[in-house]
């Protein structure tokens, strides 16, 4: 199903009809649905692919919380029929890891709900008595405000209900408001995702911050230089308050171009270099001394093994052998 067709009779009740549902939406389902849509767009090369998935969460009375999602499949050759075997398999797998989560609805991608959504919606009643519908709407239907931070999420939630029209009942939807609920772990994950994932490091982030600060400082210095240049050339009016502020700013900078400062800096630099040179020389002399000591030890050891001077040390008094001392004592 490439797209959802629009019916003449809307299946959504007017906005004057409100839903008493208290719905909380976590960031993870939003990221999952967006990733699902983006991946299908690239795979099918279509701007309106058929997106279908299940919503996992908890429900206590009229309080519903959407925590996670998983993708669904349809029967081969029939996009209007959900693959129930695949759905049950995936649900059981999630129950092993998240036993508290239940299927509370489904999600798709479309401008508005249609009768085709009603047919799909009825297939989820066997897993949940009142399943919810979460629709990710195309970007063209979202607000066109130039202020991106003021835009709302392109998501709408719907609750099923029954309408009596012309003495007949039919299934329709009521739009339900929702709030985005985030925990500490989710805020960290969203922040990590917004910064590009795990490729960055603390050092990289620090350097990027420093680079941005230096770039901003450079741009502001260029503005000041351009202003002073225009004042000197007579192309800009003199503002004595601004010029005094610039003069005070320049006076507060280190006198790096002063002759006395330069001489003192060079003297200190040479002292540091001399200290480093003496440290290296001392270390080299110490290594050479250890090498000489080892050479002497090896040389004396070789002489002892060859017996040089051995008989002189073995002779006793008056040329007698050491054993004769015991005879004459």
Protein backbone atom coordinates (compact mmCIF):
# COMPACT_ATOMS: atom_id res chain seq x y z
CA UNK A 1 0.00 0.00 0.00
CA UNK A 2 1.85 3.04 -1.22
CA UNK A 3 -0.46 5.60 0.32
CA UNK A 4 -3.81 6.02 2.06
CA UNK A 5 -6.69 7.26 -0.06
CA UNK A 6 -8.92 10.05 1.24
CA UNK A 7 -12.62 9.28 1.84
CA UNK A 8 -15.43 11.74 1.17
CA UNK A 9 -16.82 11.17 4.67
CA UNK A 10 -14.26 11.86 7.33
CA UNK A 11 -13.64 9.14 9.90
CA UNK A 12 -12.41 11.69 12.44
CA UNK A 13 -14.89 13.49 14.64
CA UNK A 14 -14.77 17.31 14.76
CA UNK A 15 -12.33 18.99 17.10
CA UNK A 16 -15.24 20.03 19.33
CA UNK A 17 -15.40 16.40 20.44
CA UNK A 18 -12.68 15.90 23.00
CA UNK A 19 -11.10 12.75 24.32
CA UNK A 20 -10.66 12.21 28.04
CA UNK A 21 -7.58 10.08 27.43
CA UNK A 22 -4.37 11.01 29.28
CA UNK A 23 -1.63 10.00 26.85
CA UNK A 24 2.14 10.17 27.43
CA UNK A 25 4.60 9.59 24.59
CA UNK A 26 8.26 8.78 25.21
CA UNK A 27 11.11 9.82 22.86
CA UNK A 28 12.03 6.25 21.87
CA UNK A 29 8.81 5.60 19.89
CA UNK A 30 9.28 8.92 18.10
CA UNK A 31 12.81 7.98 17.07
CA UNK A 32 11.77 4.47 16.04
CA UNK A 33 8.90 5.66 13.85
CA UNK A 34 11.03 8.34 12.21
CA UNK A 35 13.82 5.85 11.51
CA UNK A 36 11.30 3.34 10.12
CA UNK A 37 9.86 5.92 7.70
CA UNK A 38 13.29 7.19 6.59
CA UNK A 39 14.56 3.68 5.92
CA UNK A 40 11.50 2.71 3.87
CA UNK A 41 11.75 5.91 1.84
CA UNK A 42 15.32 5.02 0.90
CA UNK A 43 14.49 1.37 0.19
CA UNK A 44 11.35 1.95 -1.88
CA UNK A 45 12.40 5.33 -3.30
CA UNK A 46 8.93 6.60 -2.53
CA UNK A 47 7.88 9.70 -0.64
CA UNK A 48 4.81 7.94 0.81
CA UNK A 49 5.74 4.35 1.72
CA UNK A 50 3.42 2.15 3.74
CA UNK A 51 4.58 2.21 7.36
CA UNK A 52 3.08 -0.18 9.87
CA UNK A 53 4.12 -0.95 13.42
CA UNK A 54 2.83 -1.77 16.90
CA UNK A 55 2.85 0.47 19.97
CA UNK A 56 4.03 -0.95 23.28
CA UNK A 57 3.24 0.60 26.63
CA UNK A 58 1.12 0.48 29.73
CA UNK A 59 -2.47 1.46 30.43
CA UNK A 60 -4.09 2.14 33.77
CA UNK A 61 -7.68 3.20 33.32
CA UNK A 62 -7.60 6.29 31.09
CA UNK A 63 -3.87 6.86 31.63
CA UNK A 64 -1.86 5.49 28.71
CA UNK A 65 1.91 5.57 28.29
CA UNK A 66 3.63 4.69 24.97
CA UNK A 67 7.14 3.44 25.75
CA UNK A 68 8.36 1.47 22.73
CA UNK A 69 7.44 0.24 19.24
CA UNK A 70 8.26 -2.55 16.82
CA UNK A 71 7.70 -2.93 13.10
CA UNK A 72 4.99 -5.16 11.61
CA UNK A 73 4.62 -7.09 8.39
CA UNK A 74 1.61 -7.68 6.14
CA UNK A 75 0.44 -10.72 4.24
CA UNK A 76 2.14 -11.29 0.92
CA UNK A 77 0.31 -9.39 -1.80
CA UNK A 78 -2.18 -7.84 0.62
CA UNK A 79 -1.06 -4.73 2.52
CA UNK A 80 -4.48 -4.45 4.18
CA UNK A 81 -3.99 -7.68 6.13
CA UNK A 82 -1.62 -7.73 9.12
CA UNK A 83 0.65 -10.76 9.45
CA UNK A 84 -0.72 -12.00 12.78
CA UNK A 85 1.83 -14.79 13.14
CA UNK A 86 4.70 -12.31 12.87
CA UNK A 87 2.94 -9.92 15.28
CA UNK A 88 2.47 -12.59 17.94
CA UNK A 89 6.08 -13.75 17.56
CA UNK A 90 7.45 -10.24 18.01
CA UNK A 91 5.09 -9.56 20.92
CA UNK A 92 6.26 -12.69 22.76
CA UNK A 93 9.89 -11.75 22.20
CA UNK A 94 9.34 -8.32 23.73
CA UNK A 95 7.38 -9.84 26.63
CA UNK A 96 10.44 -11.87 27.60
CA UNK A 97 12.50 -8.67 27.97
CA UNK A 98 9.76 -6.20 28.99
CA UNK A 99 7.06 -8.22 30.76
CA UNK A 100 5.15 -5.11 31.85
CA UNK A 101 4.61 -3.79 28.32
CA UNK A 102 1.51 -4.64 26.30
CA UNK A 103 0.34 -3.86 22.77
CA UNK A 104 -1.79 -0.72 23.13
CA UNK A 105 -2.14 0.28 19.48
CA UNK A 106 -0.38 0.75 16.17
CA UNK A 107 1.22 3.47 14.07
CA UNK A 108 1.40 4.39 10.40
CA UNK A 109 2.26 7.24 8.03
CA UNK A 110 -0.53 9.23 6.37
CA UNK A 111 -1.96 12.76 6.10
CA UNK A 112 -5.26 11.88 7.81
CA UNK A 113 -7.05 8.68 8.91
CA UNK A 114 -9.33 7.06 6.33
CA UNK A 115 -11.68 4.09 6.13
CA UNK A 116 -8.68 1.99 5.19
CA UNK A 117 -7.23 2.78 8.60
CA UNK A 118 -10.51 1.69 10.19
CA UNK A 119 -10.17 -1.72 8.50
CA UNK A 120 -6.61 -2.05 9.74
CA UNK A 121 -7.55 -0.79 13.17
CA UNK A 122 -10.15 -3.51 13.70
CA UNK A 123 -7.46 -6.17 13.27
CA UNK A 124 -5.73 -4.96 16.47
CA UNK A 125 -8.82 -5.33 18.68
CA UNK A 126 -7.88 -8.97 19.34
CA UNK A 127 -4.69 -7.79 21.07
CA UNK A 128 -6.13 -4.72 22.82
CA UNK A 129 -9.73 -3.81 23.59
CA UNK A 130 -9.33 -0.15 22.57
CA UNK A 131 -6.16 0.15 20.48
CA UNK A 132 -4.77 3.60 19.79
CA UNK A 133 -3.65 4.94 16.43
CA UNK A 134 -0.54 7.10 16.16
CA UNK A 135 -0.05 8.76 12.77
CA UNK A 136 3.15 10.34 11.56
CA UNK A 137 2.01 13.03 9.15
CA UNK A 138 3.92 14.27 6.08
CA UNK A 139 6.05 17.36 6.58
CA UNK A 140 3.83 19.33 4.19
CA UNK A 141 0.99 19.18 6.68
CA UNK A 142 3.05 20.51 9.54
CA UNK A 143 3.34 24.15 10.45
CA UNK A 144 5.10 26.33 7.92
CA UNK A 145 6.55 28.68 10.52
CA UNK A 146 10.09 29.80 9.86
CA UNK A 147 10.84 29.31 13.54
CA UNK A 148 11.75 25.63 13.68
CA UNK A 149 11.86 25.62 17.48
CA UNK A 150 8.22 26.66 17.55
CA UNK A 151 6.98 23.75 15.45
CA UNK A 152 5.08 20.87 17.02
CA UNK A 153 5.79 17.20 16.40
CA UNK A 154 4.20 15.90 13.15
CA UNK A 155 2.36 13.24 15.15
CA UNK A 156 -1.29 12.84 16.00
CA UNK A 157 -2.92 10.27 18.27
CA UNK A 158 -6.43 8.94 17.80
CA UNK A 159 -8.77 6.99 20.05
CA UNK A 160 -11.45 4.73 18.51
CA UNK A 161 -15.13 5.34 19.19
CA UNK A 162 -18.54 4.72 17.63
CA UNK A 163 -20.72 7.31 15.91
CA UNK A 164 -24.43 7.03 15.16
CA UNK A 165 -25.23 8.58 11.77
CA UNK A 166 -28.51 8.11 9.90
CA UNK A 167 -29.58 5.52 12.49
CA UNK A 168 -26.46 3.50 11.73
CA UNK A 169 -23.32 3.01 13.74
CA UNK A 170 -19.84 3.29 12.35
CA UNK A 171 -16.32 3.25 13.74
CA UNK A 172 -14.57 6.61 13.87
CA UNK A 173 -11.62 8.26 15.60
CA UNK A 174 -11.33 11.02 18.18
CA UNK A 175 -8.12 13.01 18.22
CA UNK A 176 -6.38 12.67 21.59
CA UNK A 177 -3.83 15.12 22.89
CA UNK A 178 -0.53 13.82 24.23
CA UNK A 179 2.53 15.02 26.09
CA UNK A 180 6.14 13.94 25.61
CA UNK A 181 7.39 12.26 28.76
CA UNK A 182 11.15 11.87 29.23
CA UNK A 183 13.22 10.25 31.96
CA UNK A 184 16.85 10.92 32.85
CA UNK A 185 18.17 8.01 30.77
CA UNK A 186 16.05 9.07 27.79
CA UNK A 187 17.30 12.66 27.98
CA UNK A 188 20.88 11.39 27.89
CA UNK A 189 20.10 9.14 24.91
CA UNK A 190 18.34 11.92 23.00
CA UNK A 191 21.21 14.31 23.70
CA UNK A 192 23.67 11.64 22.53
CA UNK A 193 21.66 11.10 19.35
CA UNK A 194 21.40 14.83 18.68
CA UNK A 195 25.16 15.18 18.92
CA UNK A 196 25.78 12.53 16.27
CA UNK A 197 25.97 9.33 18.25
CA UNK A 198 29.02 7.67 19.79
CA UNK A 199 31.62 8.86 17.28
CA UNK A 200 32.59 11.88 19.35
CA UNK A 201 34.71 12.00 22.47
CA UNK A 202 34.93 14.38 25.37
CA UNK A 203 38.11 15.87 23.92
CA UNK A 204 36.48 16.31 20.51
CA UNK A 205 33.47 18.00 22.05
CA UNK A 206 35.75 20.31 24.07
CA UNK A 207 37.78 21.21 20.99
CA UNK A 208 34.65 21.89 18.96
CA UNK A 209 33.42 24.23 21.70
CA UNK A 210 36.76 26.02 21.77
CA UNK A 211 36.77 26.31 17.99
CA UNK A 212 33.29 27.82 17.98
CA UNK A 213 34.33 30.32 20.67
CA UNK A 214 37.49 31.33 18.80
CA UNK A 215 35.53 31.68 15.55
CA UNK A 216 32.98 33.94 17.22
CA UNK A 217 35.75 36.03 18.79
CA UNK A 218 37.48 36.37 15.42
CA UNK A 219 34.27 37.52 13.74
CA UNK A 220 33.65 40.16 16.41
CA UNK A 221 37.22 41.41 16.18
CA UNK A 222 36.78 41.79 12.42
CA UNK A 223 33.66 43.88 13.04
CA UNK A 224 35.62 46.18 15.37
CA UNK A 225 38.53 46.45 12.95
CA UNK A 226 36.15 47.28 10.11
CA UNK A 227 34.46 49.95 12.23
CA UNK A 228 37.77 51.62 13.17
CA UNK A 229 38.89 51.47 9.52
CA UNK A 230 35.66 53.13 8.38
CA UNK A 231 36.01 55.83 11.06
CA UNK A 232 39.58 56.62 9.96
CA UNK A 233 38.51 56.73 6.31
CA UNK A 234 35.60 59.02 7.19
CA UNK A 235 33.01 56.48 6.07
CA UNK A 236 31.46 56.08 9.53
CA UNK A 237 30.50 58.58 12.21
CA UNK A 238 32.69 58.76 15.30
CA UNK A 239 31.14 57.34 18.43
CA UNK A 240 33.36 58.48 21.27
CA UNK A 241 31.77 56.07 23.74
CA UNK A 242 32.58 53.12 21.49
CA UNK A 243 36.10 54.38 20.81
CA UNK A 244 36.78 54.81 24.53
CA UNK A 245 35.54 51.27 25.15
CA UNK A 246 37.89 49.99 22.43
CA UNK A 247 40.79 51.93 23.92
CA UNK A 248 40.11 50.49 27.40
CA UNK A 249 39.85 47.00 25.92
CA UNK A 250 43.17 47.32 24.10
CA UNK A 251 44.85 48.74 27.23
CA UNK A 252 43.71 45.72 29.23
CA UNK A 253 45.35 43.27 26.83
CA UNK A 254 48.80 41.85 27.65
CA UNK A 255 51.61 44.08 26.34
CA UNK A 256 52.98 41.37 24.09
CA UNK A 257 54.61 43.87 21.69
CA UNK A 258 56.39 45.93 24.36
CA UNK A 259 60.22 45.80 24.17
CA UNK A 260 60.62 45.21 27.93
CA UNK A 261 58.04 42.43 27.86
CA UNK A 262 59.74 40.84 24.87
CA UNK A 263 63.17 40.89 26.59
CA UNK A 264 61.75 39.42 29.78
CA UNK A 265 59.89 36.76 27.82
CA UNK A 266 63.02 35.77 25.87
CA UNK A 267 65.08 35.60 29.09
CA UNK A 268 62.52 33.35 30.76
CA UNK A 269 62.27 31.22 27.63
CA UNK A 270 66.06 30.76 27.54
CA UNK A 271 66.10 29.82 31.24
CA UNK A 272 63.50 27.16 30.64
CA UNK A 273 65.41 25.83 27.63
CA UNK A 274 68.65 25.76 29.64
CA UNK A 275 66.97 23.88 32.46
CA UNK A 276 65.65 21.32 30.00
CA UNK A 277 69.12 21.01 28.42
CA UNK A 278 70.80 20.48 31.81
CA UNK A 279 68.20 17.87 32.71
CA UNK A 280 68.89 16.00 29.49
CA UNK A 281 72.67 16.27 30.01
CA UNK A 282 72.41 14.96 33.58
CA UNK A 283 70.27 12.04 32.43
CA UNK A 284 72.80 11.19 29.68
CA UNK A 285 75.72 11.38 32.15
CA UNK A 286 73.88 9.07 34.52
CA UNK A 287 73.29 6.54 31.74
CA UNK A 288 76.98 6.74 30.73
CA UNK A 289 78.09 6.21 34.36
CA UNK A 290 75.91 3.10 34.64
CA UNK A 291 77.39 1.80 31.40
CA UNK A 292 80.99 2.33 32.65
CA UNK A 293 80.21 0.55 35.94
CA UNK A 294 78.79 -2.43 34.07
CA UNK A 295 81.84 -2.51 31.79
CA UNK A 296 84.23 -2.55 34.79
CA UNK A 297 82.28 -5.37 36.43
CA UNK A 298 82.37 -7.44 33.24
CA UNK A 299 86.13 -6.79 32.75
CA UNK A 300 87.09 -7.80 36.32
CA UNK A 301 84.93 -10.88 36.07
CA UNK A 302 86.68 -12.00 32.88
CA UNK A 303 90.14 -11.57 34.52
CA UNK A 304 89.16 -13.72 37.49
CA UNK A 305 87.94 -16.47 35.18
CA UNK A 306 91.30 -16.50 33.26
CA UNK A 307 93.32 -16.80 36.53
CA UNK A 308 95.34 -13.59 36.07
CA UNK A 309 97.36 -12.97 39.30
CA UNK A 310 95.96 -16.16 40.81
CA UNK A 311 99.27 -17.78 42.03
CA UNK A 312 100.34 -14.61 43.86
CA UNK A 313 97.14 -14.60 45.88
CA UNK A 314 97.46 -18.30 46.62
CA UNK A 315 101.12 -18.12 47.94
CA UNK A 316 101.66 -17.83 51.69
CA UNK A 317 104.55 -16.25 53.64
CA UNK A 318 108.11 -16.97 52.36
CA UNK A 319 106.81 -18.77 49.32
CA UNK A 320 105.02 -21.45 51.27
CA UNK A 321 101.59 -22.65 50.34
CA UNK A 322 98.61 -21.68 52.46
CA UNK A 323 98.50 -25.18 53.90
CA UNK A 324 102.03 -24.73 55.50
CA UNK A 325 100.73 -22.11 57.94
CA UNK A 326 99.05 -24.87 59.90
CA UNK A 327 102.36 -26.82 60.12
CA UNK A 328 104.47 -23.93 61.50
CA UNK A 329 101.90 -22.41 63.84
